[in-house]
């Protein structure tokens, strides 16, 4: 079986490899941000861009600042509440007993 002289890994219409075809890259700077957990995040920004004071940590999702010794405080994340937990915030056990008695009376009246 004869081997082809075509280059493997290329396709018809693909240009030469490298950046010149895509244009020049803009000058970039890496800025270090630290979260309260001590994680470091280094996003790249254009040299002419305004760098934000706070950035989201890519490891834990907490806010991160540029001062390693004084990072922004961690967010207070409340746990997920069930429907029953929200219901208990609105109604007391006595209210629930009254509603249950009314519902049972309606069911017994129709049966």
Protein backbone atom coordinates (compact mmCIF):
# COMPACT_ATOMS: atom_id res chain seq x y z
CA UNK A 1 0.00 0.00 0.00
CA UNK A 2 1.51 3.32 -1.04
CA UNK A 3 1.80 6.16 1.46
CA UNK A 4 0.27 9.48 0.63
CA UNK A 5 2.42 12.58 0.50
CA UNK A 6 -0.38 14.66 2.14
CA UNK A 7 0.30 16.13 5.53
CA UNK A 8 -1.67 14.46 8.25
CA UNK A 9 -3.62 16.63 10.66
CA UNK A 10 -4.35 19.40 8.19
CA UNK A 11 -7.47 20.01 6.16
CA UNK A 12 -8.22 21.74 2.88
CA UNK A 13 -8.52 25.46 3.37
CA UNK A 14 -6.48 25.66 6.54
CA UNK A 15 -3.88 28.35 6.32
CA UNK A 16 -0.38 28.42 7.66
CA UNK A 17 0.03 27.83 11.35
CA UNK A 18 0.74 30.74 13.64
CA UNK A 19 -0.57 34.13 14.70
CA UNK A 20 0.24 36.41 11.72
CA UNK A 21 -2.99 35.45 10.00
CA UNK A 22 -5.09 36.37 13.03
CA UNK A 23 -3.49 39.73 13.58
CA UNK A 24 -1.29 41.11 16.30
CA UNK A 25 -2.00 40.31 19.93
CA UNK A 26 -2.74 43.22 22.21
CA UNK A 27 -0.42 43.73 25.16
CA UNK A 28 -1.78 41.90 28.22
CA UNK A 29 -1.07 41.94 31.94
CA UNK A 30 -1.78 39.26 34.53
CA UNK A 31 -3.24 40.64 37.76
CA UNK A 32 -3.19 38.58 40.97
CA UNK A 33 -6.33 38.37 43.12
CA UNK A 34 -6.63 36.56 46.48
CA UNK A 35 -9.79 35.35 48.24
CA UNK A 36 -10.35 34.86 51.99
CA UNK A 37 -9.46 31.15 51.59
CA UNK A 38 -5.99 32.08 50.29
CA UNK A 39 -6.57 31.01 46.69
CA UNK A 40 -4.79 33.01 44.00
CA UNK A 41 -6.48 33.84 40.69
CA UNK A 42 -4.50 35.49 37.85
CA UNK A 43 -6.81 36.66 35.04
CA UNK A 44 -5.34 38.41 32.00
CA UNK A 45 -6.41 41.96 31.13
CA UNK A 46 -5.56 44.23 28.25
CA UNK A 47 -2.82 46.63 29.36
CA UNK A 48 -5.14 49.57 28.61
CA UNK A 49 -8.15 48.08 30.45
CA UNK A 50 -9.42 49.22 33.83
CA UNK A 51 -8.77 46.40 36.31
CA UNK A 52 -11.68 45.81 38.72
CA UNK A 53 -11.14 45.95 42.49
CA UNK A 54 -12.88 42.60 43.08
CA UNK A 55 -12.75 39.40 41.00
CA UNK A 56 -14.45 36.04 41.55
CA UNK A 57 -12.15 33.25 42.76
CA UNK A 58 -12.13 30.42 40.21
CA UNK A 59 -11.66 27.76 42.90
CA UNK A 60 -14.28 28.64 45.53
CA UNK A 61 -16.43 31.37 43.95
CA UNK A 62 -15.78 33.87 46.75
CA UNK A 63 -14.83 37.50 46.05
CA UNK A 64 -11.10 38.08 45.65
CA UNK A 65 -9.13 41.32 45.95
CA UNK A 66 -5.68 42.48 44.91
CA UNK A 67 -4.38 42.84 48.48
CA UNK A 68 -3.08 39.44 49.62
CA UNK A 69 -3.03 40.45 53.30
CA UNK A 70 -6.54 41.95 53.31
CA UNK A 71 -8.86 40.01 50.93
CA UNK A 72 -12.59 40.81 50.77
CA UNK A 73 -14.69 38.99 53.39
CA UNK A 74 -16.22 35.68 52.37
CA UNK A 75 -19.88 35.69 51.36
CA UNK A 76 -22.40 34.37 53.87
CA UNK A 77 -24.16 31.59 51.96
CA UNK A 78 -27.43 30.47 53.50
CA UNK A 79 -28.34 26.80 53.10
CA UNK A 80 -31.17 25.74 50.81
CA UNK A 81 -34.61 25.97 52.43
CA UNK A 82 -37.37 23.50 51.71
CA UNK A 83 -40.99 24.44 51.10
CA UNK A 84 -41.81 23.24 54.61
CA UNK A 85 -39.16 25.52 56.13
CA UNK A 86 -40.67 28.56 54.40
CA UNK A 87 -44.15 27.46 55.49
CA UNK A 88 -43.05 27.18 59.12
CA UNK A 89 -41.66 30.72 58.96
CA UNK A 90 -45.11 32.01 57.99
CA UNK A 91 -47.36 29.86 60.19
CA UNK A 92 -47.24 28.51 63.74
CA UNK A 93 -48.18 24.98 64.78
CA UNK A 94 -51.49 26.30 66.17
CA UNK A 95 -52.33 27.84 62.77
CA UNK A 96 -51.51 24.52 61.10
CA UNK A 97 -53.85 22.63 63.45
CA UNK A 98 -56.71 25.04 62.66
CA UNK A 99 -56.15 24.70 58.89
CA UNK A 100 -55.98 20.91 59.16
CA UNK A 101 -59.23 20.79 61.15
CA UNK A 102 -60.99 22.98 58.54
CA UNK A 103 -59.73 20.84 55.64
CA UNK A 104 -60.81 17.61 57.35
CA UNK A 105 -64.26 19.07 58.09
CA UNK A 106 -64.70 19.97 54.39
CA UNK A 107 -63.62 16.47 53.30
CA UNK A 108 -65.99 14.78 55.76
CA UNK A 109 -68.88 17.01 54.66
CA UNK A 110 -68.46 16.01 51.01
CA UNK A 111 -68.06 12.27 51.70
